[in-house]
Amino acid sequence: MKKTYKIEVDCANCAAKMETAAKKVAGVKDVVVNYMTLKMKVEFEDGADEKDVMEQIFKVCRKIEPDCEIYYK
C-alpha cells in the first residue's frame, strides 16, 4: 500500500535526512520525501499497520528536525 502525506520541514537537507531515517523503520518498503511539494510518499510492507508505522516515522523524523510536522492522523 502507498500513501502520500503532507509535511512541513525547513530545508531540503533535513528532508533528505528524514527520508533516509524513515526508510529504516520497520514496516516501510520505501519512502520519498519531496521538499519542493512538501509531501512524503510512503510504501508500506504487506501486513504493516499504517498508524503504528507512521508514528515511528514521526518519532525518527522529529529527532532529525524537532519542529517538522507530518500530517498522518
PDB file of N, CA and C in Angstrom:
ATOM      1  N   MET A   1       0.844  -1.175   0.000  1.00  0.00           N
ATOM      2  CA  MET A   1       0.000   0.000   0.000  1.00  0.00           C
ATOM      3  C   MET A   1       0.890   1.239   0.000  1.00  0.00           C
ATOM      4  N   LYS A   2       0.523   2.235  -0.791  1.00  0.00           N
ATOM      5  CA  LYS A   2       1.241   3.508  -0.852  1.00  0.00           C
ATOM      6  C   LYS A   2       0.307   4.624  -0.409  1.00  0.00           C
ATOM      7  N   LYS A   3       0.862   5.561   0.353  1.00  0.00           N
ATOM      8  CA  LYS A   3       0.092   6.732   0.779  1.00  0.00           C
ATOM      9  C   LYS A   3       0.983   7.957   0.720  1.00  0.00           C
ATOM     10  N   THR A   4       0.344   9.110   0.519  1.00  0.00           N
ATOM     11  CA  THR A   4       1.060  10.385   0.475  1.00  0.00           C
ATOM     12  C   THR A   4       0.586  11.253   1.638  1.00  0.00           C
ATOM     13  N   TYR A   5       1.535  11.875   2.314  1.00  0.00           N
ATOM     14  CA  TYR A   5       1.236  12.710   3.477  1.00  0.00           C
ATOM     15  C   TYR A   5       1.829  14.096   3.281  1.00  0.00           C
ATOM     16  N   LYS A   6       1.104  15.094   3.762  1.00  0.00           N
ATOM     17  CA  LYS A   6       1.597  16.471   3.749  1.00  0.00           C
ATOM     18  C   LYS A   6       2.576  16.610   4.904  1.00  0.00           C
ATOM     19  N   ILE A   7       3.680  17.302   4.650  1.00  0.00           N
ATOM     20  CA  ILE A   7       4.683  17.528   5.686  1.00  0.00           C
ATOM     21  C   ILE A   7       5.062  18.999   5.751  1.00  0.00           C
ATOM     22  N   GLU A   8       5.702  19.365   6.848  1.00  0.00           N
ATOM     23  CA  GLU A   8       6.316  20.682   6.983  1.00  0.00           C
ATOM     24  C   GLU A   8       7.738  20.456   7.459  1.00  0.00           C
ATOM     25  N   VAL A   9       8.688  20.946   6.672  1.00  0.00           N
ATOM     26  CA  VAL A   9      10.102  20.822   7.012  1.00  0.00           C
ATOM     27  C   VAL A   9      10.811  22.083   6.515  1.00  0.00           C
ATOM     28  N   ASP A  10      11.867  22.488   7.229  1.00  0.00           N
ATOM     29  CA  ASP A  10      12.507  23.779   6.973  1.00  0.00           C
ATOM     30  C   ASP A  10      13.490  23.810   5.807  1.00  0.00           C
ATOM     31  N   CYS A  11      14.140  22.679   5.507  1.00  0.00           N
ATOM     32  CA  CYS A  11      15.145  22.724   4.451  1.00  0.00           C
ATOM     33  C   CYS A  11      15.249  21.394   3.713  1.00  0.00           C
ATOM     34  N   ALA A  12      15.812  21.450   2.526  1.00  0.00           N
ATOM     35  CA  ALA A  12      15.945  20.265   1.685  1.00  0.00           C
ATOM     36  C   ALA A  12      16.885  19.243   2.316  1.00  0.00           C
ATOM     37  N   ASN A  13      17.928  19.708   2.979  1.00  0.00           N
ATOM     38  CA  ASN A  13      18.869  18.798   3.632  1.00  0.00           C
ATOM     39  C   ASN A  13      18.167  17.993   4.728  1.00  0.00           C
ATOM     40  N   CYS A  14      17.349  18.652   5.514  1.00  0.00           N
ATOM     41  CA  CYS A  14      16.606  17.957   6.572  1.00  0.00           C
ATOM     42  C   CYS A  14      15.616  16.961   5.966  1.00  0.00           C
ATOM     43  N   ALA A  15      14.986  17.341   4.876  1.00  0.00           N
ATOM     44  CA  ALA A  15      14.044  16.446   4.194  1.00  0.00           C
ATOM     45  C   ALA A  15      14.757  15.181   3.732  1.00  0.00           C
ATOM     46  N   ALA A  16      15.963  15.326   3.212  1.00  0.00           N
ATOM     47  CA  ALA A  16      16.743  14.162   2.761  1.00  0.00           C
ATOM     48  C   ALA A  16      17.120  13.270   3.943  1.00  0.00           C
ATOM     49  N   LYS A  17      17.490  13.871   5.060  1.00  0.00           N
ATOM     50  CA  LYS A  17      17.827  13.097   6.263  1.00  0.00           C
ATOM     51  C   LYS A  17      16.591  12.376   6.803  1.00  0.00           C
ATOM     52  N   MET A  18      15.441  13.045   6.750  1.00  0.00           N
ATOM     53  CA  MET A  18      14.191  12.413   7.194  1.00  0.00           C
ATOM     54  C   MET A  18      13.874  11.199   6.322  1.00  0.00           C
ATOM     55  N   GLU A  19      14.065  11.337   5.015  1.00  0.00           N
ATOM     56  CA  GLU A  19      13.804  10.242   4.085  1.00  0.00           C
ATOM     57  C   GLU A  19      14.679   9.035   4.414  1.00  0.00           C
ATOM     58  N   THR A  20      15.957   9.273   4.625  1.00  0.00           N
ATOM     59  CA  THR A  20      16.890   8.194   4.945  1.00  0.00           C
ATOM     60  C   THR A  20      16.503   7.488   6.244  1.00  0.00           C
ATOM     61  N   ALA A  21      16.163   8.260   7.266  1.00  0.00           N
ATOM     62  CA  ALA A  21      15.788   7.681   8.556  1.00  0.00           C
ATOM     63  C   ALA A  21      14.474   6.909   8.461  1.00  0.00           C
ATOM     64  N   ALA A  22      13.501   7.443   7.738  1.00  0.00           N
ATOM     65  CA  ALA A  22      12.191   6.800   7.615  1.00  0.00           C
ATOM     66  C   ALA A  22      12.284   5.456   6.895  1.00  0.00           C
ATOM     67  N   LYS A  23      13.220   5.344   5.963  1.00  0.00           N
ATOM     68  CA  LYS A  23      13.394   4.086   5.221  1.00  0.00           C
ATOM     69  C   LYS A  23      13.839   2.942   6.123  1.00  0.00           C
ATOM     70  N   LYS A  24      14.403   3.259   7.287  1.00  0.00           N
ATOM     71  CA  LYS A  24      14.894   2.248   8.214  1.00  0.00           C
ATOM     72  C   LYS A  24      13.828   1.755   9.194  1.00  0.00           C
ATOM     73  N   VAL A  25      12.667   2.373   9.192  1.00  0.00           N
ATOM     74  CA  VAL A  25      11.591   1.995  10.108  1.00  0.00           C
ATOM     75  C   VAL A  25      10.982   0.667   9.664  1.00  0.00           C
ATOM     76  N   ALA A  26      10.739  -0.201  10.643  1.00  0.00           N
ATOM     77  CA  ALA A  26      10.121  -1.493  10.355  1.00  0.00           C
ATOM     78  C   ALA A  26       8.730  -1.289   9.768  1.00  0.00           C
ATOM     79  N   GLY A  27       8.416  -2.039   8.723  1.00  0.00           N
ATOM     80  CA  GLY A  27       7.113  -1.925   8.071  1.00  0.00           C
ATOM     81  C   GLY A  27       7.121  -1.021   6.859  1.00  0.00           C
ATOM     82  N   VAL A  28       8.267  -0.369   6.602  1.00  0.00           N
ATOM     83  CA  VAL A  28       8.397   0.536   5.463  1.00  0.00           C
ATOM     84  C   VAL A  28       9.107  -0.182   4.318  1.00  0.00           C
ATOM     85  N   LYS A  29       8.492  -0.134   3.150  1.00  0.00           N
ATOM     86  CA  LYS A  29       9.131  -0.682   1.950  1.00  0.00           C
ATOM     87  C   LYS A  29       9.956   0.399   1.258  1.00  0.00           C
ATOM     88  N   ASP A  30       9.385   1.618   1.167  1.00  0.00           N
ATOM     89  CA  ASP A  30      10.087   2.737   0.543  1.00  0.00           C
ATOM     90  C   ASP A  30       9.482   4.053   1.010  1.00  0.00           C
ATOM     91  N   VAL A  31      10.303   5.095   1.009  1.00  0.00           N
ATOM     92  CA  VAL A  31       9.864   6.450   1.371  1.00  0.00           C
ATOM     93  C   VAL A  31      10.518   7.433   0.414  1.00  0.00           C
ATOM     94  N   VAL A  32       9.737   8.403  -0.044  1.00  0.00           N
ATOM     95  CA  VAL A  32      10.276   9.502  -0.842  1.00  0.00           C
ATOM     96  C   VAL A  32       9.753  10.798  -0.227  1.00  0.00           C
ATOM     97  N   VAL A  33      10.678  11.682   0.147  1.00  0.00           N
ATOM     98  CA  VAL A  33      10.315  12.988   0.696  1.00  0.00           C
ATOM     99  C   VAL A  33      10.662  14.035  -0.350  1.00  0.00           C
ATOM    100  N   ASN A  34       9.672  14.835  -0.716  1.00  0.00           N
ATOM    101  CA  ASN A  34       9.879  15.890  -1.701  1.00  0.00           C
ATOM    102  C   ASN A  34       9.756  17.233  -0.998  1.00  0.00           C
ATOM    103  N   TYR A  35      10.897  17.911  -0.844  1.00  0.00           N
ATOM    104  CA  TYR A  35      10.905  19.199  -0.158  1.00  0.00           C
ATOM    105  C   TYR A  35      10.129  20.268  -0.923  1.00  0.00           C
ATOM    106  N   MET A  36      10.216  20.251  -2.249  1.00  0.00           N
ATOM    107  CA  MET A  36       9.555  21.280  -3.064  1.00  0.00           C
ATOM    108  C   MET A  36       8.036  21.225  -2.943  1.00  0.00           C
ATOM    109  N   THR A  37       7.460  20.026  -2.873  1.00  0.00           N
ATOM    110  CA  THR A  37       5.996  19.900  -2.770  1.00  0.00           C
ATOM    111  C   THR A  37       5.530  19.680  -1.332  1.00  0.00           C
ATOM    112  N   LEU A  38       6.500  19.518  -0.417  1.00  0.00           N
ATOM    113  CA  LEU A  38       6.211  19.229   0.991  1.00  0.00           C
ATOM    114  C   LEU A  38       5.301  18.006   1.135  1.00  0.00           C
ATOM    115  N   LYS A  39       5.717  16.924   0.475  1.00  0.00           N
ATOM    116  CA  LYS A  39       4.981  15.661   0.515  1.00  0.00           C
ATOM    117  C   LYS A  39       5.920  14.520   0.880  1.00  0.00           C
ATOM    118  N   MET A  40       5.383  13.554   1.589  1.00  0.00           N
ATOM    119  CA  MET A  40       6.097  12.326   1.914  1.00  0.00           C
ATOM    120  C   MET A  40       5.268  11.167   1.379  1.00  0.00           C
ATOM    121  N   LYS A  41       5.856  10.388   0.475  1.00  0.00           N
ATOM    122  CA  LYS A  41       5.188   9.214  -0.073  1.00  0.00           C
ATOM    123  C   LYS A  41       5.775   7.990   0.614  1.00  0.00           C
ATOM    124  N   VAL A  42       4.893   7.202   1.232  1.00  0.00           N
ATOM    125  CA  VAL A  42       5.329   6.027   1.970  1.00  0.00           C
ATOM    126  C   VAL A  42       4.708   4.787   1.342  1.00  0.00           C
ATOM    127  N   GLU A  43       5.553   3.795   1.083  1.00  0.00           N
ATOM    128  CA  GLU A  43       5.071   2.492   0.634  1.00  0.00           C
ATOM    129  C   GLU A  43       5.276   1.529   1.802  1.00  0.00           C
ATOM    130  N   PHE A  44       4.173   0.942   2.265  1.00  0.00           N
ATOM    131  CA  PHE A  44       4.208   0.058   3.421  1.00  0.00           C
ATOM    132  C   PHE A  44       4.413  -1.392   2.989  1.00  0.00           C
ATOM    133  N   GLU A  45       5.083  -2.169   3.840  1.00  0.00           N
ATOM    134  CA  GLU A  45       5.201  -3.595   3.596  1.00  0.00           C
ATOM    135  C   GLU A  45       3.841  -4.245   3.808  1.00  0.00           C
ATOM    136  N   ASP A  46       3.633  -5.383   3.154  1.00  0.00           N
ATOM    137  CA  ASP A  46       2.372  -6.108   3.305  1.00  0.00           C
ATOM    138  C   ASP A  46       2.145  -6.456   4.777  1.00  0.00           C
ATOM    139  N   GLY A  47       0.936  -6.182   5.257  1.00  0.00           N
ATOM    140  CA  GLY A  47       0.566  -6.503   6.632  1.00  0.00           C
ATOM    141  C   GLY A  47       0.993  -5.481   7.662  1.00  0.00           C
ATOM    142  N   ALA A  48       1.699  -4.449   7.266  1.00  0.00           N
ATOM    143  CA  ALA A  48       2.142  -3.425   8.220  1.00  0.00           C
ATOM    144  C   ALA A  48       0.962  -2.569   8.657  1.00  0.00           C
ATOM    145  N   ASP A  49       0.954  -2.186   9.927  1.00  0.00           N
ATOM    146  CA  ASP A  49      -0.086  -1.309  10.469  1.00  0.00           C
ATOM    147  C   ASP A  49       0.294   0.132  10.159  1.00  0.00           C
ATOM    148  N   GLU A  50      -0.472   0.769   9.303  1.00  0.00           N
ATOM    149  CA  GLU A  50      -0.153   2.125   8.833  1.00  0.00           C
ATOM    150  C   GLU A  50       0.035   3.107   9.987  1.00  0.00           C
ATOM    151  N   LYS A  51      -0.869   3.083  10.953  1.00  0.00           N
ATOM    152  CA  LYS A  51      -0.806   4.040  12.064  1.00  0.00           C
ATOM    153  C   LYS A  51       0.462   3.840  12.888  1.00  0.00           C
ATOM    154  N   ASP A  52       0.784   2.587  13.217  1.00  0.00           N
ATOM    155  CA  ASP A  52       1.986   2.314  14.009  1.00  0.00           C
ATOM    156  C   ASP A  52       3.256   2.717  13.266  1.00  0.00           C
ATOM    157  N   VAL A  53       3.315   2.384  11.989  1.00  0.00           N
ATOM    158  CA  VAL A  53       4.488   2.723  11.183  1.00  0.00           C
ATOM    159  C   VAL A  53       4.649   4.238  11.103  1.00  0.00           C
ATOM    160  N   MET A  54       3.569   4.954  10.864  1.00  0.00           N
ATOM    161  CA  MET A  54       3.656   6.415  10.752  1.00  0.00           C
ATOM    162  C   MET A  54       4.055   7.055  12.077  1.00  0.00           C
ATOM    163  N   GLU A  55       3.628   6.495  13.199  1.00  0.00           N
ATOM    164  CA  GLU A  55       4.045   7.030  14.493  1.00  0.00           C
ATOM    165  C   GLU A  55       5.557   6.872  14.671  1.00  0.00           C
ATOM    166  N   GLN A  56       6.101   5.728  14.232  1.00  0.00           N
ATOM    167  CA  GLN A  56       7.544   5.504  14.322  1.00  0.00           C
ATOM    168  C   GLN A  56       8.306   6.437  13.375  1.00  0.00           C
ATOM    169  N   ILE A  57       7.780   6.613  12.164  1.00  0.00           N
ATOM    170  CA  ILE A  57       8.399   7.548  11.215  1.00  0.00           C
ATOM    171  C   ILE A  57       8.422   8.956  11.804  1.00  0.00           C
ATOM    172  N   PHE A  58       7.303   9.370  12.395  1.00  0.00           N
ATOM    173  CA  PHE A  58       7.219  10.700  13.001  1.00  0.00           C
ATOM    174  C   PHE A  58       8.274  10.861  14.098  1.00  0.00           C
ATOM    175  N   LYS A  59       8.456   9.825  14.933  1.00  0.00           N
ATOM    176  CA  LYS A  59       9.429   9.897  16.026  1.00  0.00           C
ATOM    177  C   LYS A  59      10.852  10.048  15.493  1.00  0.00           C
ATOM    178  N   VAL A  60      11.224   9.253  14.491  1.00  0.00           N
ATOM    179  CA  VAL A  60      12.598   9.351  13.968  1.00  0.00           C
ATOM    180  C   VAL A  60      12.819  10.673  13.241  1.00  0.00           C
ATOM    181  N   CYS A  61      11.790  11.168  12.570  1.00  0.00           N
ATOM    182  CA  CYS A  61      11.914  12.454  11.876  1.00  0.00           C
ATOM    183  C   CYS A  61      12.043  13.605  12.859  1.00  0.00           C
ATOM    184  N   ARG A  62      11.343  13.532  13.966  1.00  0.00           N
ATOM    185  CA  ARG A  62      11.437  14.590  14.981  1.00  0.00           C
ATOM    186  C   ARG A  62      12.817  14.652  15.617  1.00  0.00           C
ATOM    187  N   LYS A  63      13.531  13.519  15.650  1.00  0.00           N
ATOM    188  CA  LYS A  63      14.894  13.524  16.182  1.00  0.00           C
ATOM    189  C   LYS A  63      15.822  14.310  15.262  1.00  0.00           C
ATOM    190  N   ILE A  64      15.527  14.279  13.968  1.00  0.00           N
ATOM    191  CA  ILE A  64      16.345  14.979  12.976  1.00  0.00           C
ATOM    192  C   ILE A  64      15.953  16.447  12.887  1.00  0.00           C
ATOM    193  N   GLU A  65      14.662  16.686  12.809  1.00  0.00           N
ATOM    194  CA  GLU A  65      14.111  18.042  12.635  1.00  0.00           C
ATOM    195  C   GLU A  65      13.016  18.229  13.698  1.00  0.00           C
ATOM    196  N   PRO A  66      13.377  18.747  14.889  1.00  0.00           N
ATOM    197  CA  PRO A  66      12.419  18.819  16.000  1.00  0.00           C
ATOM    198  C   PRO A  66      11.121  19.560  15.707  1.00  0.00           C
ATOM    199  N   ASP A  67      11.128  20.496  14.762  1.00  0.00           N
ATOM    200  CA  ASP A  67       9.897  21.235  14.501  1.00  0.00           C
ATOM    201  C   ASP A  67       9.207  20.782  13.199  1.00  0.00           C
ATOM    202  N   CYS A  68       9.596  19.614  12.688  1.00  0.00           N
ATOM    203  CA  CYS A  68       8.913  19.107  11.482  1.00  0.00           C
ATOM    204  C   CYS A  68       7.505  18.645  11.845  1.00  0.00           C
ATOM    205  N   GLU A  69       6.687  18.520  10.847  1.00  0.00           N
ATOM    206  CA  GLU A  69       5.315  18.031  11.031  1.00  0.00           C
ATOM    207  C   GLU A  69       4.987  17.077   9.895  1.00  0.00           C
ATOM    208  N   ILE A  70       4.308  15.992  10.247  1.00  0.00           N
ATOM    209  CA  ILE A  70       3.805  15.029   9.265  1.00  0.00           C
ATOM    210  C   ILE A  70       2.328  14.857   9.572  1.00  0.00           C
ATOM    211  N   TYR A  71       1.481  15.161   8.629  1.00  0.00           N
ATOM    212  CA  TYR A  71       0.031  15.090   8.838  1.00  0.00           C
ATOM    213  C   TYR A  71      -0.484  13.707   8.435  1.00  0.00           C
ATOM    214  N   TYR A  72      -0.466  12.796   9.413  1.00  0.00           N
ATOM    215  CA  TYR A  72      -0.878  11.421   9.156  1.00  0.00           C
ATOM    216  C   TYR A  72      -2.094  11.004   9.957  1.00  0.00           C
ATOM    217  N   LYS A  73      -2.551  11.839  10.855  1.00  0.00           N
ATOM    218  CA  LYS A  73      -3.703  11.481  11.715  1.00  0.00           C
ATOM    219  C   LYS A  73      -4.994  11.958  11.110  1.00  0.00           C
TER     220      LYS A  73
END
